[in-house]
Amino acid sequence: MVFSSLEFVFIFLPIFLGVYAFTDRKYKNAVIFLGSIVFYSVGVIENPLYIMLFLSTIVVNFIVGEFIYHFPENGKMWLIVGLVFDFWGLVFFKYFGFIMENANSLFRAGMTVKDIILPVGISFYTFQNVSYIMDVYRKSCSSEHSFVNYGAYISMFPQLIAGPIVTYQTVSEQLAERKHTAKKVENGLKRFTIGLGMKVIIANQIGGLWRDITQIGFQSISPQLAWMGIFGYSFQLYFDFYGYSLMAMGLGEIMGFDIPQNFNNPYISVTMTEFWRRWHITLGSWFREYIYIPLGGSREGSKILIRNTLVVWLFTGLWHGASWNFVLWGLVLCAIILLEKFFIGKFMRSHRTVGHIYMILLIPLTWLIFAVTDFHQLGLYFRSLTPFFRDSSIVIPKNDYVKYLGIYGKYFVAGTILSTGLLDKPYEKIKNSVFGAFLHLAIFWTSVYCMYMGMDDIFMYYRF
């Protein structure tokens, strides 16, 4: 089930919130747990075994956490049991096909590789389970003794499918006791509405440009249209994922939770290092806390820092997808970040105008590697970005970009303004006013109209 769908907005959400509102405080976590299972089940209804897989991860990690806490002398053994269980599922469902395809290619074997459908949200709920048992093992937190509370934590539907990745420490106190106020409900609904608008009114609309270019063929577009395409994809990805994160935060707030922020205006960054501290903040925090720091971080000299950075970015690339373009994407980002660390980062931070120009060009180029899984097509697109390396035998329609600028230009303007944070302060001033109420209503009903017209694409991070 997708947040940006009429079924969710007008059926699931009102029923869930109605039951939740009239349930006694001590049973609210049970409502979250059961409601989230229903939510997840609808999404995987064609693969019911995935419901059992998801529930088994909750049961096993809850038991492992309890054993680690109560039997610390065997804590390392139980941690290994939990990690093996968690990662076998992720590796099998997400990477088995990729491994087998490459083994066939490398050894010229003829092993049959069946298409394995990726369980929705497995990358996110696996990371939350792993962070929980790791924190219990490191004594960063106590284990959760209530199975219902732990089930509510892992399955909480606002962040189940595409994050943010919420560590148990972040919400442990709120699971036990949290405040439910009318103000929180109001703020949550407003945040959800803004996120819905970003997804449906901006991301889904500007996403049409990338679909159009894909249908035309990367070798058959002008450099102007090629650059428009990767800028459009950059905006689509940003408002799609940021919109989801805002909706998750808003739904959490309605339920009394403070779900952590996942974005902080990343497109105003002056270095790639800064960008990845602002983009998908909870994923970056997870890799830093559970891989980078345990490996030694930056405390043991430059060679270890380079090694640890490389490991983190290889994992980051593979986490996003089982494909070589994601490996390349991770390696490219690693190289850029190390280049900034040792050479140009200080200059970019000191000369922010240069830094902004640098990032304006670099962000869409790196997203291009992220977007195109086929290396041949990726090469064609890079060649299309300049007039010097393209195939001269292919006739490109003159001024082909003008047509698409007319269709999508308004979304580029909106995306530029909103992604730079220029409206953040004005919005804070008016969001509780009468004008703010009309603004939220306009965004909501415009989004509903778009969804009714079939503009309710799934979230891009669902596939990760």
Protein backbone atom coordinates (compact mmCIF):
# COMPACT_ATOMS: atom_id res chain seq x y z
CA MET A 1 0.00 0.00 0.00
CA VAL A 2 1.33 3.41 -0.98
CA PHE A 3 0.94 6.55 1.16
CA SER A 4 0.17 8.53 -1.98
CA SER A 5 -2.91 6.50 -2.90
CA LEU A 6 -6.62 7.05 -2.42
CA GLU A 7 -6.92 3.67 -0.65
CA PHE A 8 -4.41 4.69 1.99
CA VAL A 9 -5.65 8.26 2.47
CA PHE A 10 -9.39 7.55 2.52
CA ILE A 11 -9.64 3.96 3.76
CA PHE A 12 -6.69 2.59 5.71
CA LEU A 13 -5.57 5.78 7.46
CA PRO A 14 -8.98 6.94 8.74
CA ILE A 15 -9.85 3.45 10.01
CA PHE A 16 -6.46 3.01 11.69
CA LEU A 17 -6.46 6.46 13.31
CA GLY A 18 -10.06 6.03 14.45
CA VAL A 19 -9.23 2.75 16.20
CA TYR A 20 -5.98 4.17 17.56
CA ALA A 21 -7.65 7.29 18.97
CA PHE A 22 -10.28 5.37 20.92
CA THR A 23 -7.95 2.67 22.23
CA ASP A 24 -6.68 2.83 25.80
CA ARG A 25 -3.07 4.00 26.11
CA LYS A 26 -1.77 0.63 27.27
CA TYR A 27 -3.08 -1.06 24.12
CA LYS A 28 -2.01 1.57 21.56
CA ASN A 29 1.23 -0.25 20.70
CA ALA A 30 -0.80 -3.40 20.00
CA VAL A 31 -2.94 -1.36 17.58
CA ILE A 32 0.22 -0.10 15.87
CA PHE A 33 1.61 -3.62 15.61
CA LEU A 34 -1.59 -5.17 14.23
CA GLY A 35 -2.37 -2.21 11.98
CA SER A 36 1.14 -2.27 10.55
CA ILE A 37 0.91 -5.99 9.83
CA VAL A 38 -2.32 -5.33 7.93
CA PHE A 39 -0.62 -2.48 6.06
CA TYR A 40 2.36 -4.67 5.14
CA SER A 41 0.16 -7.64 4.23
CA VAL A 42 -1.76 -5.58 1.68
CA GLY A 43 1.55 -4.68 0.02
CA VAL A 44 2.73 -8.28 -0.27
CA ILE A 45 -0.65 -9.95 -0.72
CA GLU A 46 0.59 -11.77 -3.85
CA ASN A 47 3.52 -13.23 -1.87
CA PRO A 48 2.04 -14.23 1.51
CA LEU A 49 5.25 -16.03 2.54
CA TYR A 50 6.85 -12.59 2.84
CA ILE A 51 4.47 -11.82 5.69
CA MET A 52 5.82 -14.86 7.53
CA LEU A 53 9.39 -13.81 6.73
CA PHE A 54 8.74 -10.36 8.15
CA LEU A 55 7.08 -11.71 11.31
CA SER A 56 9.90 -14.23 11.79
CA THR A 57 12.49 -11.42 11.80
CA ILE A 58 10.56 -9.73 14.60
CA VAL A 59 10.29 -12.92 16.65
CA VAL A 60 13.91 -14.00 16.19
CA ASN A 61 15.45 -10.60 16.91
CA PHE A 62 13.24 -10.10 19.96
CA ILE A 63 14.40 -13.46 21.35
CA VAL A 64 18.05 -12.78 20.45
CA GLY A 65 17.88 -9.39 22.17
CA GLU A 66 16.50 -10.98 25.33
CA PHE A 67 19.16 -13.71 25.33
CA ILE A 68 21.96 -11.17 24.82
CA TYR A 69 20.64 -9.06 27.69
CA HIS A 70 19.96 -11.87 30.17
CA PHE A 71 22.94 -14.08 29.29
CA PRO A 72 25.77 -11.60 28.57
CA GLU A 73 28.41 -14.30 28.93
CA ASN A 74 27.04 -15.80 25.70
CA GLY A 75 26.15 -12.44 24.19
CA LYS A 76 28.61 -12.63 21.29
CA MET A 77 27.28 -16.03 20.21
CA TRP A 78 23.69 -14.79 20.24
CA LEU A 79 24.68 -11.64 18.38
CA ILE A 80 26.24 -13.75 15.63
CA VAL A 81 23.09 -15.90 15.48
CA GLY A 82 20.98 -12.76 15.05
CA LEU A 83 23.26 -11.22 12.43
CA VAL A 84 23.41 -14.43 10.39
CA PHE A 85 19.63 -14.76 10.48
CA ASP A 86 19.06 -11.12 9.50
CA PHE A 87 21.58 -10.98 6.70
CA TRP A 88 20.84 -14.36 5.13
CA GLY A 89 17.37 -13.11 4.23
CA LEU A 90 18.68 -9.84 2.82
CA VAL A 91 21.45 -11.57 0.87
CA PHE A 92 19.18 -14.29 -0.52
CA PHE A 93 16.26 -12.14 -1.61
CA LYS A 94 18.24 -9.11 -2.74
CA TYR A 95 21.57 -10.43 -3.97
CA PHE A 96 21.25 -14.14 -4.82
CA GLY A 97 20.16 -13.48 -8.41
CA PHE A 98 22.97 -10.94 -8.86
CA ILE A 99 25.55 -13.38 -7.46
CA MET A 100 24.34 -16.26 -9.65
CA GLU A 101 24.25 -14.15 -12.82
CA ASN A 102 27.84 -13.04 -12.26
CA ALA A 103 28.93 -16.58 -11.39
CA ASN A 104 27.39 -17.81 -14.65
CA SER A 105 29.21 -15.10 -16.55
CA LEU A 106 32.55 -15.64 -14.79
CA PHE A 107 32.62 -19.43 -14.97
CA ARG A 108 30.56 -19.78 -18.16
CA ALA A 109 28.12 -21.92 -16.22
CA GLY A 110 24.51 -22.54 -17.08
CA MET A 111 22.97 -22.39 -13.64
CA THR A 112 19.31 -21.42 -13.73
CA VAL A 113 18.54 -18.12 -12.03
CA LYS A 114 14.91 -17.62 -11.15
CA ASP A 115 13.54 -14.15 -10.66
CA ILE A 116 13.22 -13.50 -6.94
CA ILE A 117 10.80 -10.74 -5.99
CA LEU A 118 12.34 -8.49 -3.36
CA PRO A 119 10.22 -8.35 -0.19
CA VAL A 120 9.01 -4.79 0.33
CA GLY A 121 11.01 -2.90 2.96
CA ILE A 122 13.50 -5.70 3.68
CA SER A 123 16.53 -3.41 3.49
CA PHE A 124 15.00 -1.06 6.05
CA TYR A 125 13.59 -3.50 8.59
CA THR A 126 16.77 -5.62 8.42
CA PHE A 127 18.88 -2.61 9.36
CA GLN A 128 16.57 -1.74 12.25
CA ASN A 129 16.70 -5.29 13.62
CA VAL A 130 20.49 -5.36 13.31
CA SER A 131 20.89 -1.98 15.03
CA TYR A 132 18.73 -3.21 17.91
CA ILE A 133 20.67 -6.39 18.70
CA MET A 134 23.98 -4.56 18.19
CA ASP A 135 22.96 -1.86 20.68
CA VAL A 136 21.80 -4.43 23.23
CA TYR A 137 25.10 -6.30 22.82
CA ARG A 138 27.11 -3.09 23.25
CA LYS A 139 24.96 -2.20 26.27
CA SER A 140 23.92 1.04 24.59
CA CYS A 141 20.37 0.17 25.59
CA SER A 142 18.42 -2.44 27.50
CA SER A 143 16.51 -5.09 25.60
CA GLU A 144 12.80 -4.55 25.01
CA HIS A 145 10.98 -7.00 27.27
CA SER A 146 7.57 -6.55 25.64
CA PHE A 147 7.11 -8.43 22.38
CA VAL A 148 4.23 -6.13 21.44
CA ASN A 149 6.40 -3.04 21.95
CA TYR A 150 9.22 -4.53 19.89
CA GLY A 151 6.78 -5.56 17.17
CA ALA A 152 5.37 -2.04 17.10
CA TYR A 153 8.90 -0.60 16.83
CA ILE A 154 9.96 -2.77 13.87
CA SER A 155 6.66 -2.84 12.01
CA MET A 156 5.50 0.77 12.56
CA PHE A 157 3.98 1.43 9.14
CA PRO A 158 5.00 5.09 8.72
CA GLN A 159 8.67 4.11 8.41
CA LEU A 160 8.42 0.41 7.57
CA ILE A 161 8.68 0.51 3.78
CA ALA A 162 11.26 3.23 3.04
CA GLY A 163 12.55 4.59 6.33
CA PRO A 164 13.74 6.66 8.00
CA ILE A 165 15.85 3.97 9.67
CA VAL A 166 14.89 4.45 13.32
CA THR A 167 17.17 2.97 15.99
CA TYR A 168 15.56 1.50 19.08
CA GLN A 169 17.35 4.02 21.31
CA THR A 170 15.58 6.83 19.46
CA VAL A 171 12.06 5.65 20.32
CA SER A 172 12.44 3.32 23.32
CA GLU A 173 11.09 5.85 25.82
CA GLN A 174 8.26 6.82 23.48
CA LEU A 175 7.24 3.19 23.09
CA ALA A 176 6.77 3.04 26.86
CA GLU A 177 5.22 6.47 27.35
CA ARG A 178 4.39 9.24 24.90
CA LYS A 179 2.14 12.26 24.80
CA HIS A 180 -0.85 12.47 22.51
CA THR A 181 -2.02 16.02 21.96
CA ALA A 182 -4.26 17.83 19.51
CA LYS A 183 -1.31 20.04 18.56
CA LYS A 184 0.78 17.01 17.63
CA VAL A 185 -2.05 15.65 15.49
CA GLU A 186 -2.42 19.02 13.77
CA ASN A 187 1.31 19.36 13.09
CA GLY A 188 1.49 15.76 11.91
CA LEU A 189 -1.36 16.24 9.44
CA LYS A 190 0.29 19.39 8.08
CA ARG A 191 3.64 17.64 7.68
CA PHE A 192 1.94 14.67 5.99
CA THR A 193 0.12 17.02 3.59
CA ILE A 194 3.32 18.83 2.58
CA GLY A 195 5.03 15.49 1.98
CA LEU A 196 2.08 14.24 -0.05
CA GLY A 197 2.23 17.37 -2.20
CA MET A 198 5.96 16.97 -2.78
CA LYS A 199 5.44 13.41 -3.91
CA VAL A 200 2.29 13.73 -6.01
CA ILE A 201 2.40 17.30 -7.31
CA ILE A 202 6.14 17.61 -7.97
CA ALA A 203 7.96 14.24 -8.02
CA ASN A 204 5.33 12.31 -9.97
CA GLN A 205 4.89 15.12 -12.50
CA ILE A 206 8.55 15.87 -13.21
CA GLY A 207 9.20 12.13 -13.30
CA GLY A 208 7.40 12.12 -16.64
CA LEU A 209 10.43 13.78 -18.23
CA TRP A 210 12.72 10.85 -17.42
CA ARG A 211 10.12 8.41 -18.79
CA ASP A 212 9.84 10.48 -21.98
CA ILE A 213 13.61 10.53 -22.48
CA THR A 214 13.87 6.79 -21.83
CA GLN A 215 11.25 6.15 -24.52
CA ILE A 216 13.01 8.42 -27.02
CA GLY A 217 16.38 6.70 -26.48
CA PHE A 218 19.46 8.20 -24.87
CA GLN A 219 21.33 8.42 -28.18
CA SER A 220 18.51 10.43 -29.80
CA ILE A 221 18.40 13.50 -27.54
CA SER A 222 20.24 16.80 -27.67
CA PRO A 223 22.75 17.83 -24.98
CA GLN A 224 20.23 20.38 -23.68
CA LEU A 225 17.54 17.73 -23.26
CA ALA A 226 20.06 15.30 -21.77
CA TRP A 227 21.00 17.81 -19.07
CA MET A 228 17.33 18.60 -18.49
CA GLY A 229 16.74 14.89 -18.02
CA ILE A 230 19.32 14.37 -15.27
CA PHE A 231 18.29 17.56 -13.48
CA GLY A 232 14.68 16.39 -13.71
CA TYR A 233 15.60 12.97 -12.34
CA SER A 234 17.48 14.67 -9.48
CA PHE A 235 14.37 16.63 -8.54
CA GLN A 236 12.14 13.58 -8.93
CA LEU A 237 14.29 11.49 -6.59
CA TYR A 238 14.61 14.31 -4.06
CA PHE A 239 10.91 15.15 -3.78
CA ASP A 240 9.88 11.50 -3.97
CA PHE A 241 12.06 10.43 -1.04
CA TYR A 242 11.81 13.68 0.91
CA GLY A 243 8.04 13.60 0.47
CA TYR A 244 7.90 10.05 1.84
CA SER A 245 10.11 11.00 4.80
CA LEU A 246 7.89 13.97 5.65
CA MET A 247 4.79 11.80 5.46
CA ALA A 248 6.46 9.25 7.76
CA MET A 249 7.37 11.96 10.25
CA GLY A 250 3.85 13.38 10.10
CA LEU A 251 2.16 10.03 10.65
CA GLY A 252 4.55 9.31 13.51
CA GLU A 253 3.73 12.65 15.11
CA ILE A 254 -0.01 11.92 14.88
CA MET A 255 0.69 8.71 16.79
CA GLY A 256 2.81 10.53 19.38
CA PHE A 257 6.28 9.62 18.06
CA ASP A 258 9.15 11.89 17.07
CA ILE A 259 10.55 10.12 14.01
CA PRO A 260 14.02 11.50 13.19
CA GLN A 261 14.63 13.93 10.37
CA ASN A 262 15.98 12.34 7.19
CA PHE A 263 16.72 15.41 5.07
CA ASN A 264 18.25 18.81 5.68
CA ASN A 265 18.24 20.70 2.36
CA PRO A 266 20.98 18.52 0.78
CA TYR A 267 20.90 20.34 -2.55
CA ILE A 268 22.42 23.49 -1.00
CA SER A 269 25.60 21.59 -0.08
CA VAL A 270 29.02 22.78 -1.27
CA THR A 271 30.74 19.38 -1.04
CA MET A 272 29.67 15.79 -1.56
CA THR A 273 30.69 15.11 2.03
CA GLU A 274 28.21 17.72 3.24
CA PHE A 275 25.57 16.40 0.84
CA TRP A 276 25.68 12.95 2.40
CA ARG A 277 25.35 14.41 5.87
CA ARG A 278 22.13 16.06 4.72
CA TRP A 279 20.67 13.34 2.44
CA HIS A 280 19.11 10.17 3.93
CA ILE A 281 20.56 11.17 7.30
CA THR A 282 19.46 8.00 9.10
CA LEU A 283 21.14 5.68 6.57
CA GLY A 284 24.39 7.62 6.84
CA SER A 285 24.17 7.47 10.63
CA TRP A 286 23.61 3.69 10.49
CA PHE A 287 26.70 3.07 8.35
CA ARG A 288 28.80 5.40 10.49
CA GLU A 289 27.64 3.85 13.78
CA TYR A 290 27.68 0.16 12.83
CA ILE A 291 30.41 -0.11 10.16
CA TYR A 292 32.68 2.95 9.92
CA ILE A 293 33.35 3.50 13.65
CA PRO A 294 33.71 -0.22 14.54
CA LEU A 295 36.31 -0.50 11.75
CA GLY A 296 38.31 2.30 13.38
CA GLY A 297 36.82 5.36 11.72
CA SER A 298 39.43 8.01 11.02
CA ARG A 299 41.38 7.53 14.25
CA GLU A 300 44.12 5.23 12.96
CA GLY A 301 45.69 7.17 10.11
CA SER A 302 45.02 7.93 6.47
CA LYS A 303 45.33 4.37 5.14
CA ILE A 304 42.72 3.04 7.56
CA LEU A 305 40.48 6.03 6.84
CA ILE A 306 40.65 5.32 3.10
CA ARG A 307 39.95 1.63 3.68
CA ASN A 308 36.99 2.32 5.96
CA THR A 309 35.54 4.93 3.62
CA LEU A 310 35.83 2.49 0.72
CA VAL A 311 34.10 -0.28 2.70
CA VAL A 312 31.26 2.03 3.74
CA TRP A 313 30.63 3.27 0.21
CA LEU A 314 30.78 -0.19 -1.32
CA PHE A 315 28.15 -1.28 1.18
CA THR A 316 26.15 1.90 0.56
CA GLY A 317 26.14 1.25 -3.17
CA LEU A 318 25.13 -2.39 -2.79
CA TRP A 319 22.50 -1.53 -0.18
CA HIS A 320 20.74 0.53 -2.83
CA GLY A 321 20.64 -2.29 -5.35
CA ALA A 322 22.10 -5.55 -6.61
CA SER A 323 23.60 -4.19 -9.79
CA TRP A 324 27.07 -3.11 -10.93
CA ASN A 325 25.94 0.46 -11.55
CA PHE A 326 25.31 0.80 -7.81
CA VAL A 327 28.81 -0.54 -7.09
CA LEU A 328 30.22 2.01 -9.55
CA TRP A 329 28.07 4.73 -7.98
CA GLY A 330 29.42 3.90 -4.52
CA LEU A 331 33.02 3.88 -5.78
CA VAL A 332 32.59 7.22 -7.55
CA LEU A 333 31.13 8.81 -4.40
CA CYS A 334 33.96 7.30 -2.34
CA ALA A 335 36.55 8.79 -4.71
CA ILE A 336 34.89 12.22 -4.61
CA ILE A 337 34.64 12.23 -0.81
CA LEU A 338 38.30 11.19 -0.41
CA LEU A 339 39.33 13.85 -2.93
CA GLU A 340 37.48 16.42 -0.82
CA LYS A 341 38.93 15.04 2.40
CA PHE A 342 42.56 15.33 1.31
CA PHE A 343 42.58 18.04 -1.34
CA ILE A 344 39.66 20.25 -2.42
CA GLY A 345 37.13 20.13 0.42
CA LYS A 346 38.57 23.04 2.39
CA PHE A 347 38.67 25.19 -0.76
CA MET A 348 35.03 24.42 -1.58
CA ARG A 349 33.90 25.26 1.95
CA SER A 350 35.86 28.54 1.86
CA HIS A 351 34.61 29.51 -1.61
CA ARG A 352 30.98 28.60 -1.33
CA THR A 353 29.92 29.99 -4.71
CA VAL A 354 32.42 27.69 -6.42
CA GLY A 355 31.26 24.87 -4.15
CA HIS A 356 27.63 25.37 -5.15
CA ILE A 357 28.50 25.33 -8.88
CA TYR A 358 30.59 22.20 -8.32
CA MET A 359 27.68 20.44 -6.62
CA ILE A 360 25.06 21.66 -9.09
CA LEU A 361 26.99 19.78 -11.79
CA LEU A 362 28.09 16.82 -9.66
CA ILE A 363 24.76 15.87 -8.06
CA PRO A 364 22.88 15.09 -11.31
CA LEU A 365 25.93 13.36 -12.83
CA THR A 366 26.20 10.97 -9.88
CA TRP A 367 22.44 10.39 -9.89
CA LEU A 368 22.77 9.39 -13.55
CA ILE A 369 25.01 6.47 -12.54
CA PHE A 370 22.40 5.65 -9.88
CA ALA A 371 19.52 5.75 -12.37
CA VAL A 372 20.82 3.74 -15.34
CA THR A 373 21.59 0.10 -14.57
CA ASP A 374 22.85 -0.85 -18.05
CA PHE A 375 26.44 0.29 -18.67
CA HIS A 376 25.95 0.56 -22.43
CA GLN A 377 22.96 2.86 -21.94
CA LEU A 378 24.87 4.76 -19.27
CA GLY A 379 27.69 5.36 -21.76
CA LEU A 380 25.20 6.56 -24.37
CA TYR A 381 23.74 9.04 -21.92
CA PHE A 382 27.12 10.45 -20.92
CA ARG A 383 27.95 10.87 -24.62
CA SER A 384 24.64 12.70 -25.11
CA LEU A 385 25.60 15.33 -22.53
CA THR A 386 28.06 16.97 -24.96
CA PRO A 387 27.97 17.54 -28.73
CA PHE A 388 31.48 16.11 -29.16
CA PHE A 389 31.13 12.37 -28.51
CA ARG A 390 27.75 11.51 -29.94
CA ASP A 391 27.06 9.41 -33.04
CA SER A 392 26.89 11.95 -35.87
CA SER A 393 24.81 9.58 -38.01
CA ILE A 394 21.82 9.92 -35.67
CA VAL A 395 19.61 12.92 -36.48
CA ILE A 396 18.54 14.86 -33.39
CA PRO A 397 15.35 16.95 -33.72
CA LYS A 398 16.28 20.62 -33.60
CA ASN A 399 15.42 22.33 -30.31
CA ASP A 400 13.89 19.13 -28.95
CA TYR A 401 14.32 20.48 -25.42
CA VAL A 402 11.96 23.42 -26.04
CA LYS A 403 8.90 21.16 -26.08
CA TYR A 404 9.84 19.53 -22.78
CA LEU A 405 10.82 22.80 -21.17
CA GLY A 406 7.31 24.01 -21.92
CA ILE A 407 5.79 20.92 -20.30
CA TYR A 408 8.07 20.58 -17.27
CA GLY A 409 9.51 24.07 -16.81
CA LYS A 410 7.13 24.98 -13.96
CA TYR A 411 8.20 21.89 -12.01
CA PHE A 412 11.87 22.85 -12.43
CA VAL A 413 11.08 26.29 -11.00
CA ALA A 414 9.14 24.81 -8.08
CA GLY A 415 11.82 22.18 -7.46
CA THR A 416 14.61 24.75 -7.45
CA ILE A 417 12.84 27.02 -4.97
CA LEU A 418 11.72 24.24 -2.63
CA SER A 419 15.00 22.30 -2.63
CA THR A 420 17.02 25.36 -1.63
CA GLY A 421 15.01 25.93 1.55
CA LEU A 422 14.03 29.47 0.54
CA LEU A 423 10.44 28.92 1.64
CA ASP A 424 11.21 27.19 4.95
CA LYS A 425 11.08 30.31 7.13
CA PRO A 426 8.08 31.91 5.37
CA TYR A 427 6.22 28.59 5.70
CA GLU A 428 6.92 28.41 9.44
CA LYS A 429 5.43 31.88 9.83
CA ILE A 430 2.19 31.18 7.99
CA LYS A 431 1.56 27.48 8.57
CA ASN A 432 -0.67 28.10 11.62
CA SER A 433 -2.54 31.04 10.09
CA VAL A 434 -5.83 31.08 8.17
CA PHE A 435 -3.83 31.41 4.96
CA GLY A 436 -1.81 28.36 6.02
CA ALA A 437 -5.02 26.37 6.47
CA PHE A 438 -6.14 27.24 2.94
CA LEU A 439 -2.66 26.38 1.62
CA HIS A 440 -2.73 22.93 3.20
CA LEU A 441 -6.25 22.29 1.94
CA ALA A 442 -5.22 23.34 -1.57
CA ILE A 443 -2.19 21.04 -1.52
CA PHE A 444 -4.23 18.14 -0.15
CA TRP A 445 -7.09 18.35 -2.63
CA THR A 446 -4.75 18.99 -5.57
CA SER A 447 -2.88 15.84 -4.52
CA VAL A 448 -6.17 13.93 -4.28
CA TYR A 449 -7.11 15.05 -7.77
CA CYS A 450 -3.73 13.91 -9.12
CA MET A 451 -4.12 10.54 -7.41
CA TYR A 452 -7.64 10.22 -8.80
CA MET A 453 -6.23 10.87 -12.27
CA GLY A 454 -3.81 7.97 -11.79
CA MET A 455 -0.72 9.98 -10.84
CA ASP A 456 0.11 7.84 -7.81
CA ASP A 457 3.41 6.21 -8.75
CA ILE A 458 5.07 4.05 -6.13
CA PHE A 459 7.95 5.57 -4.17
CA MET A 460 11.33 5.20 -5.83
CA TYR A 461 13.01 3.91 -2.66
CA TYR A 462 10.52 1.02 -2.45
CA ARG A 463 12.81 -0.95 -4.78
CA PHE A 464 15.71 -0.74 -2.36
